Amino acid sequence: MEALTRRSMQILRMLYEKGKSTNTYTLHVKQDEFAKQLGISRQALNVHLRKLRDLNYIRTGRGFIDVTENGLNILGMFSTPAFIFIKVSPHKRMYAYKKIRELTVQRAFRVAGDVDALLIVEREKLDEALKKLSSIDGIQDTRSYVAIEAIK
C-alpha cells in the first residue's frame, strides 16, 4: 500500500467529514471551491485528487467527489454499519422519538414488533450513539449489533 502525503490524507479526511453517506461518502462541490476551502490552488488539488483516484480511494465527476470503501479503510473507517434496536416506554415514545431525530445517525426507523425503533449508525460512532441514547428519558433498553460484512 502506497503511503499518502499529509495533504492527501487531509483531503481524504475532509471529503469524508463533509461528504454525505450513501454507500460511499459523497461531497457535492466544485473543485475550485474545494481548493479554496483547503487553501491550495486548483492545480495542486488536481494532483492530489488524481493520485487518490488512481489508488481507488475516491471517484470524481462533474460537481461531486466520492470517498470509496478503499478510501474509508485507509482512514480507519468501515462501510459496514452498526444497528441499534431500542425499546421505549409507551408513555415516553413521542418524546424519545423527538430526541432520536436529533441524533447524528445514518437512518432511524420506528418499527413494529419486540422493539420500537431501529437506528443504523456508522460502526465507529456506535459508542457515541449509545451514550447519547442512555441520556434520553423513556428509553428502557438498547441492543446493538455490528455488521461483519455485506452478503449482497
N, C-alpha and C. Protein backbone atom coordinates (compact mmCIF):
# COMPACT_ATOMS: atom_id res chain seq x y z
N MET A 1 0.85 -1.18 0.00
CA MET A 1 0.00 0.00 0.00
C MET A 1 0.89 1.23 0.00
N GLU A 2 0.61 2.15 -0.91
CA GLU A 2 1.42 3.35 -1.05
C GLU A 2 1.09 4.35 0.06
N ALA A 3 2.11 4.94 0.64
CA ALA A 3 1.93 5.94 1.70
C ALA A 3 1.40 7.23 1.08
N LEU A 4 0.47 7.86 1.78
CA LEU A 4 -0.09 9.12 1.32
C LEU A 4 0.61 10.28 2.02
N THR A 5 0.67 11.40 1.32
CA THR A 5 1.23 12.60 1.93
C THR A 5 0.24 13.15 2.96
N ARG A 6 0.73 14.03 3.79
CA ARG A 6 -0.13 14.66 4.80
C ARG A 6 -1.29 15.39 4.12
N ARG A 7 -1.00 16.07 3.01
CA ARG A 7 -2.04 16.82 2.29
C ARG A 7 -3.08 15.86 1.69
N SER A 8 -2.62 14.74 1.12
CA SER A 8 -3.57 13.77 0.56
C SER A 8 -4.47 13.22 1.66
N MET A 9 -3.91 12.92 2.83
CA MET A 9 -4.72 12.44 3.96
C MET A 9 -5.69 13.53 4.41
N GLN A 10 -5.25 14.79 4.41
CA GLN A 10 -6.12 15.91 4.79
C GLN A 10 -7.29 16.01 3.82
N ILE A 11 -7.01 15.88 2.53
CA ILE A 11 -8.06 15.95 1.52
C ILE A 11 -9.05 14.80 1.70
N LEU A 12 -8.53 13.60 1.88
CA LEU A 12 -9.38 12.44 2.06
C LEU A 12 -10.25 12.58 3.30
N ARG A 13 -9.65 13.07 4.42
CA ARG A 13 -10.41 13.25 5.66
C ARG A 13 -11.49 14.31 5.48
N MET A 14 -11.17 15.42 4.81
CA MET A 14 -12.16 16.48 4.60
C MET A 14 -13.30 15.98 3.72
N LEU A 15 -12.97 15.20 2.71
CA LEU A 15 -14.02 14.61 1.86
C LEU A 15 -14.94 13.73 2.70
N TYR A 16 -14.34 12.94 3.59
CA TYR A 16 -15.12 12.07 4.46
C TYR A 16 -16.01 12.89 5.39
N GLU A 17 -15.44 13.89 6.04
CA GLU A 17 -16.19 14.66 7.02
C GLU A 17 -17.28 15.52 6.40
N LYS A 18 -17.03 16.06 5.21
CA LYS A 18 -18.00 16.94 4.57
C LYS A 18 -18.96 16.17 3.65
N GLY A 19 -18.60 14.92 3.37
CA GLY A 19 -19.41 14.13 2.45
C GLY A 19 -20.68 13.61 3.10
N LYS A 20 -21.62 13.25 2.26
CA LYS A 20 -22.88 12.66 2.70
C LYS A 20 -22.80 11.16 2.48
N SER A 21 -23.16 10.40 3.51
CA SER A 21 -23.06 8.95 3.44
C SER A 21 -24.16 8.37 2.58
N THR A 22 -23.76 7.61 1.60
CA THR A 22 -24.67 6.74 0.86
C THR A 22 -24.04 5.37 1.06
N ASN A 23 -23.59 4.72 0.04
CA ASN A 23 -22.72 3.56 0.23
C ASN A 23 -21.28 4.04 0.25
N THR A 24 -21.08 5.25 -0.22
CA THR A 24 -19.79 5.92 -0.15
C THR A 24 -20.06 7.27 0.50
N TYR A 25 -19.04 8.06 0.65
CA TYR A 25 -19.22 9.42 1.15
C TYR A 25 -19.08 10.35 -0.03
N THR A 26 -20.12 11.12 -0.29
CA THR A 26 -20.15 11.99 -1.46
C THR A 26 -20.14 13.44 -1.02
N LEU A 27 -19.26 14.21 -1.64
CA LEU A 27 -19.21 15.64 -1.41
C LEU A 27 -19.58 16.31 -2.73
N HIS A 28 -20.66 17.08 -2.72
CA HIS A 28 -21.08 17.81 -3.91
C HIS A 28 -20.46 19.21 -3.84
N VAL A 29 -19.37 19.38 -4.58
CA VAL A 29 -18.65 20.65 -4.55
C VAL A 29 -17.86 20.78 -5.85
N LYS A 30 -17.72 22.01 -6.30
CA LYS A 30 -16.85 22.26 -7.45
C LYS A 30 -15.41 22.26 -6.95
N GLN A 31 -14.51 21.78 -7.79
CA GLN A 31 -13.13 21.63 -7.35
C GLN A 31 -12.47 22.96 -6.99
N ASP A 32 -12.82 24.05 -7.68
CA ASP A 32 -12.21 25.33 -7.32
C ASP A 32 -12.66 25.77 -5.92
N GLU A 33 -13.91 25.48 -5.55
CA GLU A 33 -14.41 25.81 -4.22
C GLU A 33 -13.72 24.94 -3.16
N PHE A 34 -13.55 23.67 -3.46
CA PHE A 34 -12.89 22.75 -2.53
C PHE A 34 -11.43 23.16 -2.34
N ALA A 35 -10.77 23.55 -3.41
CA ALA A 35 -9.37 24.01 -3.32
C ALA A 35 -9.30 25.24 -2.41
N LYS A 36 -10.26 26.17 -2.53
CA LYS A 36 -10.28 27.35 -1.66
C LYS A 36 -10.43 26.95 -0.20
N GLN A 37 -11.33 25.98 0.07
CA GLN A 37 -11.53 25.52 1.45
C GLN A 37 -10.25 24.93 2.03
N LEU A 38 -9.46 24.28 1.19
CA LEU A 38 -8.19 23.69 1.64
C LEU A 38 -7.04 24.70 1.67
N GLY A 39 -7.24 25.84 1.01
CA GLY A 39 -6.18 26.85 0.96
C GLY A 39 -5.06 26.48 -0.01
N ILE A 40 -5.41 25.76 -1.09
CA ILE A 40 -4.42 25.38 -2.11
C ILE A 40 -4.98 25.75 -3.48
N SER A 41 -4.12 25.71 -4.48
CA SER A 41 -4.57 26.02 -5.83
C SER A 41 -5.37 24.85 -6.40
N ARG A 42 -6.17 25.13 -7.41
CA ARG A 42 -6.94 24.06 -8.05
C ARG A 42 -5.99 23.06 -8.70
N GLN A 43 -4.88 23.54 -9.25
CA GLN A 43 -3.91 22.65 -9.88
C GLN A 43 -3.32 21.68 -8.85
N ALA A 44 -2.98 22.20 -7.66
CA ALA A 44 -2.45 21.34 -6.60
C ALA A 44 -3.49 20.32 -6.17
N LEU A 45 -4.74 20.76 -6.04
CA LEU A 45 -5.82 19.84 -5.68
C LEU A 45 -5.94 18.74 -6.73
N ASN A 46 -5.86 19.12 -8.01
CA ASN A 46 -5.98 18.12 -9.08
C ASN A 46 -4.90 17.05 -9.00
N VAL A 47 -3.69 17.44 -8.64
CA VAL A 47 -2.59 16.48 -8.48
C VAL A 47 -2.96 15.45 -7.41
N HIS A 48 -3.44 15.95 -6.25
CA HIS A 48 -3.81 15.07 -5.15
C HIS A 48 -5.02 14.20 -5.51
N LEU A 49 -6.02 14.81 -6.13
CA LEU A 49 -7.21 14.05 -6.50
C LEU A 49 -6.88 12.95 -7.50
N ARG A 50 -6.00 13.25 -8.45
CA ARG A 50 -5.60 12.24 -9.44
C ARG A 50 -4.94 11.05 -8.75
N LYS A 51 -4.06 11.35 -7.78
CA LYS A 51 -3.39 10.28 -7.05
C LYS A 51 -4.40 9.46 -6.25
N LEU A 52 -5.32 10.13 -5.54
CA LEU A 52 -6.33 9.43 -4.76
C LEU A 52 -7.24 8.60 -5.66
N ARG A 53 -7.56 9.12 -6.84
CA ARG A 53 -8.40 8.40 -7.81
C ARG A 53 -7.65 7.18 -8.36
N ASP A 54 -6.36 7.36 -8.70
CA ASP A 54 -5.56 6.24 -9.22
C ASP A 54 -5.43 5.12 -8.20
N LEU A 55 -5.42 5.46 -6.92
CA LEU A 55 -5.32 4.46 -5.85
C LEU A 55 -6.69 3.88 -5.48
N ASN A 56 -7.74 4.33 -6.17
CA ASN A 56 -9.12 3.89 -5.93
C ASN A 56 -9.62 4.28 -4.53
N TYR A 57 -9.17 5.43 -4.03
CA TYR A 57 -9.65 5.94 -2.76
C TYR A 57 -10.83 6.90 -2.96
N ILE A 58 -10.94 7.46 -4.16
CA ILE A 58 -12.05 8.37 -4.47
C ILE A 58 -12.51 8.12 -5.90
N ARG A 59 -13.72 8.61 -6.19
CA ARG A 59 -14.25 8.72 -7.55
C ARG A 59 -14.65 10.18 -7.72
N THR A 60 -14.41 10.72 -8.90
CA THR A 60 -14.78 12.11 -9.15
C THR A 60 -15.67 12.19 -10.37
N GLY A 61 -16.42 13.25 -10.41
CA GLY A 61 -17.28 13.53 -11.55
C GLY A 61 -17.62 15.00 -11.54
N ARG A 62 -18.50 15.40 -12.41
CA ARG A 62 -18.88 16.80 -12.52
C ARG A 62 -19.65 17.23 -11.27
N GLY A 63 -18.97 17.96 -10.41
CA GLY A 63 -19.63 18.51 -9.22
C GLY A 63 -19.69 17.59 -8.01
N PHE A 64 -19.01 16.45 -8.05
CA PHE A 64 -19.01 15.59 -6.87
C PHE A 64 -17.68 14.84 -6.73
N ILE A 65 -17.40 14.43 -5.50
CA ILE A 65 -16.27 13.57 -5.19
C ILE A 65 -16.77 12.52 -4.20
N ASP A 66 -16.56 11.24 -4.52
CA ASP A 66 -16.95 10.14 -3.64
C ASP A 66 -15.71 9.59 -2.96
N VAL A 67 -15.81 9.29 -1.68
CA VAL A 67 -14.79 8.52 -0.98
C VAL A 67 -15.24 7.06 -1.09
N THR A 68 -14.39 6.20 -1.65
CA THR A 68 -14.74 4.80 -1.85
C THR A 68 -14.52 3.99 -0.57
N GLU A 69 -14.89 2.73 -0.61
CA GLU A 69 -14.65 1.85 0.53
C GLU A 69 -13.16 1.75 0.83
N ASN A 70 -12.31 1.72 -0.22
CA ASN A 70 -10.86 1.71 -0.01
C ASN A 70 -10.41 2.99 0.70
N GLY A 71 -10.99 4.13 0.31
CA GLY A 71 -10.67 5.39 0.97
C GLY A 71 -11.08 5.39 2.43
N LEU A 72 -12.26 4.83 2.71
CA LEU A 72 -12.71 4.72 4.10
C LEU A 72 -11.75 3.85 4.91
N ASN A 73 -11.33 2.75 4.31
CA ASN A 73 -10.43 1.83 5.01
C ASN A 73 -9.09 2.49 5.34
N ILE A 74 -8.54 3.29 4.41
CA ILE A 74 -7.25 3.95 4.65
C ILE A 74 -7.38 4.98 5.78
N LEU A 75 -8.59 5.52 5.96
CA LEU A 75 -8.85 6.45 7.06
C LEU A 75 -9.16 5.73 8.37
N GLY A 76 -9.24 4.40 8.31
CA GLY A 76 -9.59 3.64 9.51
C GLY A 76 -11.08 3.57 9.74
N MET A 77 -11.87 3.88 8.71
CA MET A 77 -13.32 3.82 8.80
C MET A 77 -13.79 2.55 8.08
N PHE A 78 -15.00 2.16 8.36
CA PHE A 78 -15.54 0.97 7.74
C PHE A 78 -16.92 1.25 7.20
N SER A 79 -17.26 0.61 6.09
CA SER A 79 -18.55 0.87 5.48
C SER A 79 -19.64 -0.03 6.04
N THR A 80 -19.28 -1.03 6.86
CA THR A 80 -20.30 -1.87 7.45
C THR A 80 -20.90 -1.16 8.66
N PRO A 81 -22.21 -1.12 8.75
CA PRO A 81 -22.85 -0.34 9.81
C PRO A 81 -23.03 -1.12 11.10
N ALA A 82 -23.50 -0.40 12.09
CA ALA A 82 -23.96 -1.00 13.34
C ALA A 82 -25.46 -0.70 13.44
N PHE A 83 -26.16 -1.59 14.10
CA PHE A 83 -27.61 -1.45 14.26
C PHE A 83 -27.93 -1.39 15.74
N ILE A 84 -28.79 -0.46 16.11
CA ILE A 84 -29.22 -0.34 17.50
C ILE A 84 -30.73 -0.53 17.54
N PHE A 85 -31.17 -1.54 18.29
CA PHE A 85 -32.59 -1.78 18.49
C PHE A 85 -32.96 -1.16 19.84
N ILE A 86 -34.05 -0.40 19.85
CA ILE A 86 -34.40 0.38 21.05
C ILE A 86 -35.81 0.02 21.52
N LYS A 87 -35.93 -0.20 22.82
CA LYS A 87 -37.23 -0.38 23.47
C LYS A 87 -37.52 0.90 24.24
N VAL A 88 -38.72 1.47 24.00
CA VAL A 88 -39.09 2.76 24.60
C VAL A 88 -40.33 2.58 25.47
N SER A 89 -40.35 3.27 26.60
CA SER A 89 -41.52 3.27 27.47
C SER A 89 -42.72 3.83 26.69
N PRO A 90 -43.86 3.14 26.72
CA PRO A 90 -45.02 3.59 25.93
C PRO A 90 -45.43 5.04 26.21
N HIS A 91 -45.30 5.49 27.44
CA HIS A 91 -45.73 6.84 27.80
C HIS A 91 -44.73 7.92 27.38
N LYS A 92 -43.53 7.52 26.98
CA LYS A 92 -42.48 8.48 26.61
C LYS A 92 -42.09 8.38 25.14
N ARG A 93 -42.85 7.64 24.35
CA ARG A 93 -42.45 7.40 22.96
C ARG A 93 -42.28 8.67 22.15
N MET A 94 -43.24 9.56 22.20
CA MET A 94 -43.15 10.77 21.36
C MET A 94 -41.93 11.61 21.74
N TYR A 95 -41.68 11.74 23.04
CA TYR A 95 -40.50 12.48 23.50
C TYR A 95 -39.23 11.78 23.02
N ALA A 96 -39.15 10.45 23.20
CA ALA A 96 -37.96 9.70 22.81
C ALA A 96 -37.73 9.80 21.31
N TYR A 97 -38.78 9.68 20.51
CA TYR A 97 -38.63 9.78 19.04
C TYR A 97 -38.14 11.17 18.65
N LYS A 98 -38.66 12.19 19.33
CA LYS A 98 -38.21 13.56 19.04
C LYS A 98 -36.70 13.69 19.30
N LYS A 99 -36.23 13.13 20.41
CA LYS A 99 -34.81 13.20 20.75
C LYS A 99 -33.96 12.34 19.81
N ILE A 100 -34.49 11.21 19.39
CA ILE A 100 -33.77 10.34 18.45
C ILE A 100 -33.57 11.07 17.12
N ARG A 101 -34.56 11.85 16.69
CA ARG A 101 -34.44 12.61 15.43
C ARG A 101 -33.27 13.60 15.47
N GLU A 102 -32.89 14.02 16.66
CA GLU A 102 -31.80 14.98 16.81
C GLU A 102 -30.41 14.32 16.76
N LEU A 103 -30.35 13.00 16.83
CA LEU A 103 -29.07 12.29 16.83
C LEU A 103 -28.47 12.26 15.43
N THR A 104 -27.17 12.16 15.37
CA THR A 104 -26.47 12.02 14.09
C THR A 104 -26.33 10.53 13.80
N VAL A 105 -27.24 10.02 12.99
CA VAL A 105 -27.23 8.62 12.59
C VAL A 105 -27.45 8.54 11.09
N GLN A 106 -27.14 7.37 10.51
CA GLN A 106 -27.38 7.22 9.08
C GLN A 106 -28.87 7.14 8.79
N ARG A 107 -29.59 6.32 9.54
CA ARG A 107 -31.03 6.16 9.37
C ARG A 107 -31.65 5.84 10.72
N ALA A 108 -32.91 6.19 10.89
CA ALA A 108 -33.66 5.86 12.10
C ALA A 108 -35.07 5.49 11.68
N PHE A 109 -35.58 4.41 12.25
CA PHE A 109 -36.91 3.91 11.89
C PHE A 109 -37.72 3.61 13.14
N ARG A 110 -39.00 3.92 13.12
CA ARG A 110 -39.95 3.35 14.08
C ARG A 110 -40.29 1.99 13.51
N VAL A 111 -40.36 0.99 14.36
CA VAL A 111 -40.66 -0.36 13.88
C VAL A 111 -41.72 -1.01 14.76
N ALA A 112 -42.39 -2.00 14.19
CA ALA A 112 -43.37 -2.78 14.94
C ALA A 112 -42.72 -4.10 15.34
N GLY A 113 -43.09 -4.60 16.49
CA GLY A 113 -42.53 -5.87 16.96
C GLY A 113 -42.06 -5.75 18.39
N ASP A 114 -41.01 -6.48 18.71
CA ASP A 114 -40.49 -6.52 20.08
C ASP A 114 -39.75 -5.25 20.48
N VAL A 115 -39.35 -4.45 19.50
CA VAL A 115 -38.67 -3.19 19.77
C VAL A 115 -39.45 -2.07 19.11
N ASP A 116 -39.12 -0.83 19.50
CA ASP A 116 -39.87 0.32 18.99
C ASP A 116 -39.14 1.12 17.93
N ALA A 117 -37.81 1.03 17.91
CA ALA A 117 -37.04 1.81 16.94
C ALA A 117 -35.77 1.05 16.56
N LEU A 118 -35.29 1.38 15.37
CA LEU A 118 -34.05 0.81 14.85
C LEU A 118 -33.22 1.96 14.32
N LEU A 119 -31.97 2.05 14.76
CA LEU A 119 -31.04 3.05 14.27
C LEU A 119 -29.94 2.35 13.51
N ILE A 120 -29.52 2.95 12.41
CA ILE A 120 -28.35 2.48 11.68
C ILE A 120 -27.30 3.57 11.82
N VAL A 121 -26.15 3.18 12.37
CA VAL A 121 -25.08 4.15 12.63
C VAL A 121 -23.77 3.63 12.04
N GLU A 122 -22.85 4.54 11.81
CA GLU A 122 -21.51 4.13 11.40
C GLU A 122 -20.90 3.37 12.57
N ARG A 123 -20.21 2.31 12.25
CA ARG A 123 -19.63 1.45 13.28
C ARG A 123 -18.76 2.24 14.25
N GLU A 124 -18.00 3.21 13.72
CA GLU A 124 -17.11 3.99 14.57
C GLU A 124 -17.87 4.91 15.52
N LYS A 125 -19.14 5.18 15.23
CA LYS A 125 -19.92 6.11 16.06
C LYS A 125 -20.91 5.38 16.96
N LEU A 126 -20.80 4.06 17.05
CA LEU A 126 -21.73 3.28 17.87
C LEU A 126 -21.66 3.69 19.33
N ASP A 127 -20.48 3.78 19.90
CA ASP A 127 -20.34 4.12 21.31
C ASP A 127 -20.94 5.49 21.61
N GLU A 128 -20.66 6.45 20.75
CA GLU A 128 -21.20 7.81 20.92
C GLU A 128 -22.73 7.79 20.88
N ALA A 129 -23.30 7.05 19.93
CA ALA A 129 -24.76 6.97 19.82
C ALA A 129 -25.36 6.32 21.07
N LEU A 130 -24.74 5.26 21.57
CA LEU A 130 -25.25 4.58 22.77
C LEU A 130 -25.20 5.50 23.98
N LYS A 131 -24.14 6.29 24.11
CA LYS A 131 -24.04 7.24 25.23
C LYS A 131 -25.16 8.27 25.17
N LYS A 132 -25.42 8.79 23.97
CA LYS A 132 -26.49 9.78 23.82
C LYS A 132 -27.85 9.15 24.09
N LEU A 133 -28.05 7.93 23.62
CA LEU A 133 -29.33 7.25 23.86
C LEU A 133 -29.57 7.01 25.35
N SER A 134 -28.51 6.72 26.09
CA SER A 134 -28.66 6.44 27.52
C SER A 134 -29.15 7.65 28.30
N SER A 135 -28.99 8.84 27.74
CA SER A 135 -29.43 10.06 28.44
C SER A 135 -30.85 10.47 28.05
N ILE A 136 -31.49 9.73 27.15
CA ILE A 136 -32.85 10.09 26.71
C ILE A 136 -33.87 9.42 27.63
N ASP A 137 -34.70 10.25 28.25
CA ASP A 137 -35.74 9.77 29.15
C ASP A 137 -36.74 8.92 28.36
N GLY A 138 -37.04 7.75 28.89
CA GLY A 138 -38.03 6.88 28.26
C GLY A 138 -37.43 5.69 27.53
N ILE A 139 -36.13 5.72 27.26
CA ILE A 139 -35.51 4.57 26.60
C ILE A 139 -35.23 3.52 27.67
N GLN A 140 -35.89 2.36 27.51
CA GLN A 140 -35.79 1.30 28.50
C GLN A 140 -34.62 0.36 28.24
N ASP A 141 -34.34 0.11 26.95
CA ASP A 141 -33.32 -0.89 26.64
C ASP A 141 -32.78 -0.63 25.24
N THR A 142 -31.52 -0.93 25.05
CA THR A 142 -30.92 -0.90 23.72
C THR A 142 -30.16 -2.19 23.51
N ARG A 143 -30.15 -2.65 22.28
CA ARG A 143 -29.33 -3.80 21.89
C ARG A 143 -28.64 -3.41 20.60
N SER A 144 -27.34 -3.61 20.57
CA SER A 144 -26.60 -3.20 19.38
C SER A 144 -25.92 -4.39 18.73
N TYR A 145 -25.83 -4.29 17.41
CA TYR A 145 -25.23 -5.34 16.60
C TYR A 145 -24.35 -4.67 15.55
N VAL A 146 -23.20 -5.28 15.29
CA VAL A 146 -22.27 -4.73 14.32
C VAL A 146 -22.20 -5.68 13.13
N ALA A 147 -22.38 -5.14 11.92
CA ALA A 147 -22.29 -5.95 10.71
C ALA A 147 -20.83 -6.36 10.50
N ILE A 148 -20.64 -7.59 10.09
CA ILE A 148 -19.29 -8.09 9.82
C ILE A 148 -18.93 -7.82 8.36
N GLU A 149 -19.84 -8.17 7.48
CA GLU A 149 -19.64 -7.91 6.04
C GLU A 149 -20.98 -7.97 5.34
N ALA A 150 -21.07 -7.33 4.22
CA ALA A 150 -22.28 -7.38 3.41
C ALA A 150 -22.34 -8.73 2.70
N ILE A 151 -23.51 -9.34 2.69
CA ILE A 151 -23.69 -10.60 1.98
C ILE A 151 -23.99 -10.34 0.51
N LYS A 152 -24.72 -9.29 0.28
CA LYS A 152 -25.07 -8.92 -1.10
C LYS A 152 -24.97 -7.44 -1.27
